[in-house]
Amino acid sequence: MSIQSIKKIVIALALTTSSMASVHAADTIHQFNFQDAVNRAVADGFLDGSVKFYLAGTKSGGKVIEKGLVTNKKTNGFAKSAESSCDHVLRSALIQLQNTAKARGANAVTNLVSFYKSNETRSTTTYDCAKGTAIAGVALKGDIVKF
């Protein structure tokens, strides 16, 4: 077999593997209980409890410090369950929101919605997490508020 033939075979295999990986890498949207995840993050010490989080439709009022703040976090989800990956990446998003709220003198983030690929999904109980073969992601949008 010539070197040219071997190169053609290697290129064909690489293209086939690449296109198959693309098919299997599609994100699946999962919904998980938001308050349970927040409670775990506080209990485990990732959140300090000084900032409260409220999904859209569950709490309003207070003085809005900043409206429509967006966080979009990703994590390695390879060989991990959707629940484990999503819980981890939600914590990252909440830590960012907590730190931003505290830096601006606020004590709550209200009107939170899932914001995957800039599409809002409202729920009073769950958040959306996109999980693919290798990556899990959570995007949230909400208002920073001082009660």
N, C-alpha and C. Protein backbone atom coordinates (compact mmCIF):
# COMPACT_ATOMS: atom_id res chain seq x y z
N MET A 1 0.85 -1.18 0.00
CA MET A 1 0.00 0.00 0.00
C MET A 1 0.89 1.24 0.00
N SER A 2 0.55 2.19 -0.82
CA SER A 2 1.38 3.39 -0.95
C SER A 2 1.08 4.37 0.19
N ILE A 3 2.00 5.30 0.39
CA ILE A 3 1.82 6.33 1.41
C ILE A 3 0.61 7.20 1.08
N GLN A 4 0.37 7.47 -0.20
CA GLN A 4 -0.79 8.26 -0.62
C GLN A 4 -2.08 7.55 -0.22
N SER A 5 -2.15 6.25 -0.41
CA SER A 5 -3.34 5.48 -0.05
C SER A 5 -3.58 5.53 1.45
N ILE A 6 -2.50 5.40 2.23
CA ILE A 6 -2.62 5.44 3.69
C ILE A 6 -3.10 6.82 4.13
N LYS A 7 -2.56 7.88 3.52
CA LYS A 7 -2.99 9.24 3.85
C LYS A 7 -4.47 9.42 3.57
N LYS A 8 -4.95 8.91 2.45
CA LYS A 8 -6.37 9.03 2.09
C LYS A 8 -7.24 8.30 3.10
N ILE A 9 -6.81 7.13 3.53
CA ILE A 9 -7.58 6.36 4.51
C ILE A 9 -7.63 7.11 5.85
N VAL A 10 -6.49 7.64 6.27
CA VAL A 10 -6.43 8.37 7.54
C VAL A 10 -7.33 9.60 7.48
N ILE A 11 -7.30 10.34 6.37
CA ILE A 11 -8.14 11.52 6.22
C ILE A 11 -9.62 11.13 6.24
N ALA A 12 -9.97 10.06 5.55
CA ALA A 12 -11.36 9.60 5.52
C ALA A 12 -11.83 9.20 6.92
N LEU A 13 -10.99 8.50 7.67
CA LEU A 13 -11.35 8.12 9.03
C LEU A 13 -11.50 9.34 9.93
N ALA A 14 -10.61 10.29 9.78
CA ALA A 14 -10.69 11.51 10.59
C ALA A 14 -11.97 12.28 10.30
N LEU A 15 -12.34 12.39 9.04
CA LEU A 15 -13.57 13.10 8.68
C LEU A 15 -14.79 12.36 9.19
N THR A 16 -14.80 11.05 9.10
CA THR A 16 -15.93 10.26 9.59
C THR A 16 -16.07 10.40 11.09
N THR A 17 -14.95 10.28 11.81
CA THR A 17 -14.98 10.41 13.27
C THR A 17 -15.42 11.81 13.67
N SER A 18 -14.93 12.82 12.98
CA SER A 18 -15.30 14.19 13.29
C SER A 18 -16.79 14.43 13.10
N SER A 19 -17.36 13.95 12.01
CA SER A 19 -18.78 14.17 11.77
C SER A 19 -19.63 13.38 12.76
N MET A 20 -19.17 12.20 13.17
CA MET A 20 -19.92 11.42 14.16
C MET A 20 -19.89 12.12 15.51
N ALA A 21 -18.74 12.70 15.85
CA ALA A 21 -18.63 13.41 17.13
C ALA A 21 -19.58 14.59 17.16
N SER A 22 -19.74 15.27 16.04
CA SER A 22 -20.66 16.40 15.99
C SER A 22 -22.09 15.97 16.26
N VAL A 23 -22.46 14.83 15.73
CA VAL A 23 -23.82 14.33 15.94
C VAL A 23 -24.04 14.01 17.41
N HIS A 24 -23.05 13.41 18.06
CA HIS A 24 -23.20 12.99 19.45
C HIS A 24 -22.98 14.13 20.44
N ALA A 25 -22.47 15.25 19.99
CA ALA A 25 -22.16 16.36 20.88
C ALA A 25 -23.34 17.30 21.10
N ALA A 26 -24.46 17.02 20.49
CA ALA A 26 -25.62 17.91 20.62
C ALA A 26 -26.04 18.03 22.08
N ASP A 27 -26.41 19.24 22.47
CA ASP A 27 -26.84 19.49 23.84
C ASP A 27 -28.25 18.96 24.07
N THR A 28 -28.44 18.39 25.24
CA THR A 28 -29.76 18.01 25.71
C THR A 28 -30.09 18.95 26.86
N ILE A 29 -31.28 19.52 26.85
CA ILE A 29 -31.69 20.44 27.91
C ILE A 29 -32.31 19.62 29.04
N HIS A 30 -31.79 19.83 30.23
CA HIS A 30 -32.31 19.17 31.44
C HIS A 30 -32.88 20.25 32.35
N GLN A 31 -33.91 19.91 33.09
CA GLN A 31 -34.46 20.81 34.10
C GLN A 31 -34.25 20.17 35.47
N PHE A 32 -33.71 20.98 36.38
CA PHE A 32 -33.49 20.52 37.74
C PHE A 32 -34.07 21.52 38.72
N ASN A 33 -34.38 21.05 39.92
CA ASN A 33 -34.98 21.90 40.94
C ASN A 33 -33.99 22.97 41.38
N PHE A 34 -34.38 24.21 41.19
CA PHE A 34 -33.52 25.35 41.47
C PHE A 34 -33.26 25.51 42.97
N GLN A 35 -34.31 25.53 43.78
CA GLN A 35 -34.14 25.79 45.21
C GLN A 35 -33.32 24.70 45.88
N ASP A 36 -33.51 23.44 45.48
CA ASP A 36 -32.70 22.36 46.05
C ASP A 36 -31.22 22.59 45.75
N ALA A 37 -30.92 23.01 44.53
CA ALA A 37 -29.53 23.26 44.14
C ALA A 37 -28.95 24.43 44.91
N VAL A 38 -29.72 25.50 45.09
CA VAL A 38 -29.25 26.65 45.87
C VAL A 38 -28.99 26.22 47.31
N ASN A 39 -29.91 25.46 47.89
CA ASN A 39 -29.75 25.01 49.28
C ASN A 39 -28.48 24.16 49.44
N ARG A 40 -28.20 23.28 48.47
CA ARG A 40 -26.98 22.47 48.53
C ARG A 40 -25.74 23.35 48.45
N ALA A 41 -25.78 24.36 47.58
CA ALA A 41 -24.62 25.26 47.42
C ALA A 41 -24.35 26.04 48.70
N VAL A 42 -25.39 26.45 49.41
CA VAL A 42 -25.22 27.16 50.69
C VAL A 42 -24.71 26.17 51.74
N ALA A 43 -25.33 25.00 51.83
CA ALA A 43 -24.93 24.00 52.83
C ALA A 43 -23.48 23.56 52.63
N ASP A 44 -23.04 23.48 51.39
CA ASP A 44 -21.67 23.04 51.09
C ASP A 44 -20.65 24.18 51.16
N GLY A 45 -21.12 25.41 51.45
CA GLY A 45 -20.22 26.54 51.62
C GLY A 45 -19.81 27.26 50.34
N PHE A 46 -20.41 26.91 49.21
CA PHE A 46 -20.08 27.60 47.96
C PHE A 46 -20.73 28.99 47.90
N LEU A 47 -21.91 29.11 48.48
CA LEU A 47 -22.60 30.39 48.61
C LEU A 47 -22.64 30.73 50.09
N ASP A 48 -22.52 32.02 50.43
CA ASP A 48 -22.48 32.39 51.85
C ASP A 48 -23.86 32.69 52.44
N GLY A 49 -24.91 32.69 51.62
CA GLY A 49 -26.26 32.92 52.12
C GLY A 49 -26.63 34.37 52.27
N SER A 50 -25.70 35.29 51.99
CA SER A 50 -25.99 36.71 52.15
C SER A 50 -26.83 37.26 50.99
N VAL A 51 -26.84 36.55 49.87
CA VAL A 51 -27.63 36.95 48.70
C VAL A 51 -28.66 35.86 48.46
N LYS A 52 -29.91 36.27 48.32
CA LYS A 52 -31.01 35.33 48.06
C LYS A 52 -31.29 35.30 46.56
N PHE A 53 -31.73 34.15 46.07
CA PHE A 53 -32.01 33.95 44.65
C PHE A 53 -33.46 33.56 44.46
N TYR A 54 -34.13 34.25 43.51
CA TYR A 54 -35.55 34.01 43.27
C TYR A 54 -35.82 33.88 41.77
N LEU A 55 -36.41 32.78 41.39
CA LEU A 55 -36.81 32.60 40.00
C LEU A 55 -37.94 33.56 39.66
N ALA A 56 -38.08 33.89 38.38
CA ALA A 56 -39.14 34.79 37.92
C ALA A 56 -40.49 34.27 38.40
N GLY A 57 -41.29 35.18 38.93
CA GLY A 57 -42.62 34.82 39.39
C GLY A 57 -42.68 34.39 40.84
N THR A 58 -41.52 34.35 41.55
CA THR A 58 -41.56 33.91 42.94
C THR A 58 -41.31 35.02 43.95
N LYS A 59 -40.73 36.14 43.54
CA LYS A 59 -40.48 37.24 44.47
C LYS A 59 -40.25 38.50 43.66
N SER A 60 -40.80 39.57 44.11
CA SER A 60 -40.54 40.85 43.46
C SER A 60 -40.46 41.93 44.53
N GLY A 61 -40.21 43.14 44.11
CA GLY A 61 -40.09 44.23 45.06
C GLY A 61 -38.64 44.62 45.25
N GLY A 62 -38.41 45.51 46.20
CA GLY A 62 -37.07 46.00 46.44
C GLY A 62 -36.65 47.00 45.38
N LYS A 63 -35.44 47.51 45.55
CA LYS A 63 -34.90 48.49 44.60
C LYS A 63 -33.99 47.76 43.62
N VAL A 64 -34.33 47.84 42.33
CA VAL A 64 -33.51 47.19 41.31
C VAL A 64 -32.24 48.01 41.12
N ILE A 65 -31.11 47.36 41.33
CA ILE A 65 -29.80 47.98 41.17
C ILE A 65 -29.32 47.81 39.72
N GLU A 66 -29.55 46.63 39.19
CA GLU A 66 -29.19 46.34 37.79
C GLU A 66 -30.17 45.33 37.23
N LYS A 67 -30.70 45.65 36.07
CA LYS A 67 -31.71 44.80 35.43
C LYS A 67 -31.07 43.99 34.30
N GLY A 68 -31.49 42.73 34.18
CA GLY A 68 -31.08 41.91 33.05
C GLY A 68 -29.63 41.47 33.04
N LEU A 69 -29.05 41.26 34.24
CA LEU A 69 -27.68 40.76 34.32
C LEU A 69 -27.64 39.31 33.84
N VAL A 70 -26.66 38.99 32.99
CA VAL A 70 -26.56 37.64 32.41
C VAL A 70 -25.27 36.97 32.85
N THR A 71 -25.36 35.70 33.19
CA THR A 71 -24.20 34.86 33.43
C THR A 71 -24.34 33.62 32.56
N ASN A 72 -23.24 33.19 31.99
CA ASN A 72 -23.24 32.03 31.10
C ASN A 72 -22.00 31.20 31.43
N LYS A 73 -22.20 30.13 32.16
CA LYS A 73 -21.08 29.32 32.64
C LYS A 73 -21.09 27.93 31.99
N LYS A 74 -19.88 27.39 31.83
CA LYS A 74 -19.70 26.06 31.27
C LYS A 74 -18.78 25.26 32.18
N THR A 75 -18.91 23.94 32.13
CA THR A 75 -18.02 23.07 32.88
C THR A 75 -17.79 21.78 32.11
N ASN A 76 -16.76 21.08 32.48
CA ASN A 76 -16.47 19.78 31.90
C ASN A 76 -17.55 18.80 32.35
N GLY A 77 -18.25 18.23 31.41
CA GLY A 77 -19.28 17.27 31.74
C GLY A 77 -18.94 15.87 31.25
N PHE A 78 -17.72 15.68 30.77
CA PHE A 78 -17.34 14.37 30.20
C PHE A 78 -17.39 13.30 31.28
N ALA A 79 -18.09 12.21 30.97
CA ALA A 79 -18.21 11.04 31.86
C ALA A 79 -18.84 11.38 33.21
N LYS A 80 -19.64 12.44 33.25
CA LYS A 80 -20.35 12.82 34.47
C LYS A 80 -21.84 12.84 34.17
N SER A 81 -22.63 12.59 35.18
CA SER A 81 -24.08 12.63 34.99
C SER A 81 -24.53 14.06 34.74
N ALA A 82 -25.67 14.19 34.11
CA ALA A 82 -26.23 15.52 33.86
C ALA A 82 -26.47 16.23 35.19
N GLU A 83 -27.01 15.53 36.17
CA GLU A 83 -27.32 16.17 37.45
C GLU A 83 -26.06 16.69 38.14
N SER A 84 -25.01 15.89 38.15
CA SER A 84 -23.76 16.30 38.79
C SER A 84 -23.13 17.48 38.05
N SER A 85 -23.04 17.39 36.74
CA SER A 85 -22.45 18.48 35.94
C SER A 85 -23.26 19.76 36.07
N CYS A 86 -24.56 19.63 35.98
CA CYS A 86 -25.43 20.81 36.03
C CYS A 86 -25.41 21.47 37.39
N ASP A 87 -25.38 20.67 38.46
CA ASP A 87 -25.29 21.22 39.80
C ASP A 87 -24.00 22.02 39.95
N HIS A 88 -22.91 21.48 39.44
CA HIS A 88 -21.61 22.15 39.53
C HIS A 88 -21.61 23.47 38.76
N VAL A 89 -22.12 23.46 37.55
CA VAL A 89 -22.07 24.68 36.73
C VAL A 89 -23.07 25.72 37.23
N LEU A 90 -24.20 25.29 37.79
CA LEU A 90 -25.12 26.25 38.40
C LEU A 90 -24.44 26.97 39.56
N ARG A 91 -23.68 26.24 40.36
CA ARG A 91 -22.97 26.87 41.47
C ARG A 91 -22.05 27.98 40.96
N SER A 92 -21.37 27.72 39.87
CA SER A 92 -20.49 28.73 39.27
C SER A 92 -21.27 29.99 38.91
N ALA A 93 -22.42 29.80 38.26
CA ALA A 93 -23.26 30.92 37.86
C ALA A 93 -23.75 31.69 39.08
N LEU A 94 -24.18 30.97 40.12
CA LEU A 94 -24.69 31.63 41.32
C LEU A 94 -23.59 32.36 42.09
N ILE A 95 -22.39 31.79 42.11
CA ILE A 95 -21.27 32.48 42.76
C ILE A 95 -21.00 33.80 42.06
N GLN A 96 -21.01 33.79 40.73
CA GLN A 96 -20.79 35.04 39.99
C GLN A 96 -21.89 36.05 40.30
N LEU A 97 -23.14 35.61 40.31
CA LEU A 97 -24.25 36.53 40.62
C LEU A 97 -24.15 37.04 42.05
N GLN A 98 -23.81 36.16 43.00
CA GLN A 98 -23.66 36.57 44.40
C GLN A 98 -22.58 37.64 44.53
N ASN A 99 -21.43 37.40 43.91
CA ASN A 99 -20.31 38.35 44.01
C ASN A 99 -20.65 39.69 43.37
N THR A 100 -21.34 39.65 42.25
CA THR A 100 -21.74 40.89 41.58
C THR A 100 -22.75 41.65 42.43
N ALA A 101 -23.73 40.93 42.98
CA ALA A 101 -24.74 41.58 43.83
C ALA A 101 -24.08 42.24 45.04
N LYS A 102 -23.22 41.52 45.72
CA LYS A 102 -22.56 42.07 46.90
C LYS A 102 -21.70 43.28 46.55
N ALA A 103 -21.00 43.22 45.43
CA ALA A 103 -20.15 44.34 45.01
C ALA A 103 -20.96 45.59 44.72
N ARG A 104 -22.23 45.40 44.37
CA ARG A 104 -23.09 46.55 44.04
C ARG A 104 -24.03 46.92 45.19
N GLY A 105 -23.82 46.32 46.35
CA GLY A 105 -24.63 46.65 47.52
C GLY A 105 -26.00 46.03 47.53
N ALA A 106 -26.22 44.98 46.77
CA ALA A 106 -27.51 44.31 46.71
C ALA A 106 -27.49 43.05 47.56
N ASN A 107 -28.68 42.54 47.87
CA ASN A 107 -28.76 41.32 48.68
C ASN A 107 -29.68 40.26 48.07
N ALA A 108 -30.05 40.45 46.80
CA ALA A 108 -30.90 39.45 46.15
C ALA A 108 -30.74 39.53 44.64
N VAL A 109 -31.03 38.40 44.01
CA VAL A 109 -31.14 38.35 42.56
C VAL A 109 -32.53 37.80 42.28
N THR A 110 -33.36 38.63 41.65
CA THR A 110 -34.75 38.25 41.40
C THR A 110 -35.00 38.12 39.90
N ASN A 111 -36.20 37.64 39.60
CA ASN A 111 -36.63 37.55 38.21
C ASN A 111 -35.70 36.67 37.37
N LEU A 112 -35.09 35.66 38.00
CA LEU A 112 -34.16 34.79 37.31
C LEU A 112 -34.88 33.89 36.31
N VAL A 113 -34.32 33.84 35.11
CA VAL A 113 -34.82 32.95 34.06
C VAL A 113 -33.62 32.23 33.45
N SER A 114 -33.87 31.03 32.93
CA SER A 114 -32.84 30.35 32.15
C SER A 114 -32.70 31.11 30.84
N PHE A 115 -31.47 31.22 30.33
CA PHE A 115 -31.21 32.08 29.19
C PHE A 115 -30.30 31.40 28.17
N TYR A 116 -30.55 30.12 27.92
CA TYR A 116 -29.72 29.32 27.02
C TYR A 116 -29.83 29.84 25.59
N LYS A 117 -28.68 30.13 24.99
CA LYS A 117 -28.60 30.68 23.63
C LYS A 117 -29.51 31.91 23.47
N SER A 118 -29.57 32.73 24.52
CA SER A 118 -30.35 33.97 24.57
C SER A 118 -31.86 33.75 24.45
N ASN A 119 -32.33 32.55 24.72
CA ASN A 119 -33.76 32.25 24.74
C ASN A 119 -34.20 32.09 26.20
N GLU A 120 -35.15 32.92 26.61
CA GLU A 120 -35.65 32.86 27.98
C GLU A 120 -36.58 31.68 28.18
N THR A 121 -36.36 30.97 29.29
CA THR A 121 -37.27 29.93 29.74
C THR A 121 -37.62 30.24 31.18
N ARG A 122 -38.90 30.49 31.44
CA ARG A 122 -39.34 30.85 32.79
C ARG A 122 -39.93 29.63 33.49
N SER A 123 -39.57 29.51 34.74
CA SER A 123 -40.14 28.48 35.61
C SER A 123 -40.07 29.01 37.03
N THR A 124 -41.02 28.65 37.84
CA THR A 124 -40.99 29.04 39.25
C THR A 124 -40.31 27.97 40.10
N THR A 125 -39.87 26.86 39.48
CA THR A 125 -39.27 25.78 40.27
C THR A 125 -37.96 25.23 39.70
N THR A 126 -37.73 25.33 38.39
CA THR A 126 -36.58 24.66 37.80
C THR A 126 -35.70 25.62 37.00
N TYR A 127 -34.46 25.19 36.78
CA TYR A 127 -33.54 25.90 35.88
C TYR A 127 -33.17 24.93 34.76
N ASP A 128 -32.78 25.49 33.61
CA ASP A 128 -32.35 24.69 32.47
C ASP A 128 -30.84 24.56 32.47
N CYS A 129 -30.38 23.37 32.09
CA CYS A 129 -28.96 23.11 31.93
C CYS A 129 -28.79 22.35 30.63
N ALA A 130 -27.89 22.82 29.78
CA ALA A 130 -27.59 22.14 28.52
C ALA A 130 -26.40 21.21 28.76
N LYS A 131 -26.57 19.93 28.47
CA LYS A 131 -25.51 18.94 28.68
C LYS A 131 -25.23 18.23 27.38
N GLY A 132 -23.99 18.33 26.93
CA GLY A 132 -23.54 17.58 25.76
C GLY A 132 -22.61 16.48 26.20
N THR A 133 -21.88 15.92 25.26
CA THR A 133 -20.96 14.83 25.57
C THR A 133 -19.85 15.29 26.50
N ALA A 134 -19.31 16.47 26.26
CA ALA A 134 -18.14 16.92 27.01
C ALA A 134 -18.38 18.14 27.88
N ILE A 135 -19.42 18.91 27.61
CA ILE A 135 -19.61 20.18 28.31
C ILE A 135 -21.05 20.32 28.80
N ALA A 136 -21.18 20.93 29.98
CA ALA A 136 -22.50 21.29 30.51
C ALA A 136 -22.49 22.80 30.71
N GLY A 137 -23.63 23.44 30.46
CA GLY A 137 -23.70 24.88 30.59
C GLY A 137 -25.01 25.36 31.18
N VAL A 138 -24.91 26.43 31.94
CA VAL A 138 -26.08 27.10 32.51
C VAL A 138 -25.96 28.58 32.21
N ALA A 139 -27.00 29.15 31.65
CA ALA A 139 -27.07 30.59 31.42
C ALA A 139 -28.30 31.11 32.17
N LEU A 140 -28.10 32.16 32.94
CA LEU A 140 -29.18 32.77 33.71
C LEU A 140 -29.21 34.26 33.45
N LYS A 141 -30.40 34.83 33.55
CA LYS A 141 -30.57 36.28 33.46
C LYS A 141 -31.48 36.69 34.61
N GLY A 142 -31.11 37.76 35.29
CA GLY A 142 -31.93 38.22 36.41
C GLY A 142 -31.59 39.65 36.80
N ASP A 143 -32.31 40.13 37.79
CA ASP A 143 -32.15 41.50 38.28
C ASP A 143 -31.49 41.50 39.65
N ILE A 144 -30.52 42.36 39.84
CA ILE A 144 -29.88 42.51 41.14
C ILE A 144 -30.68 43.54 41.92
N VAL A 145 -31.07 43.16 43.15
CA VAL A 145 -32.02 43.94 43.93
C VAL A 145 -31.54 44.13 45.36
N LYS A 146 -31.89 45.26 45.93
CA LYS A 146 -31.66 45.53 47.36
C LYS A 146 -33.02 45.55 48.04
N PHE A 147 -33.24 44.63 48.97
CA PHE A 147 -34.50 44.59 49.74
C PHE A 147 -34.33 45.37 51.01
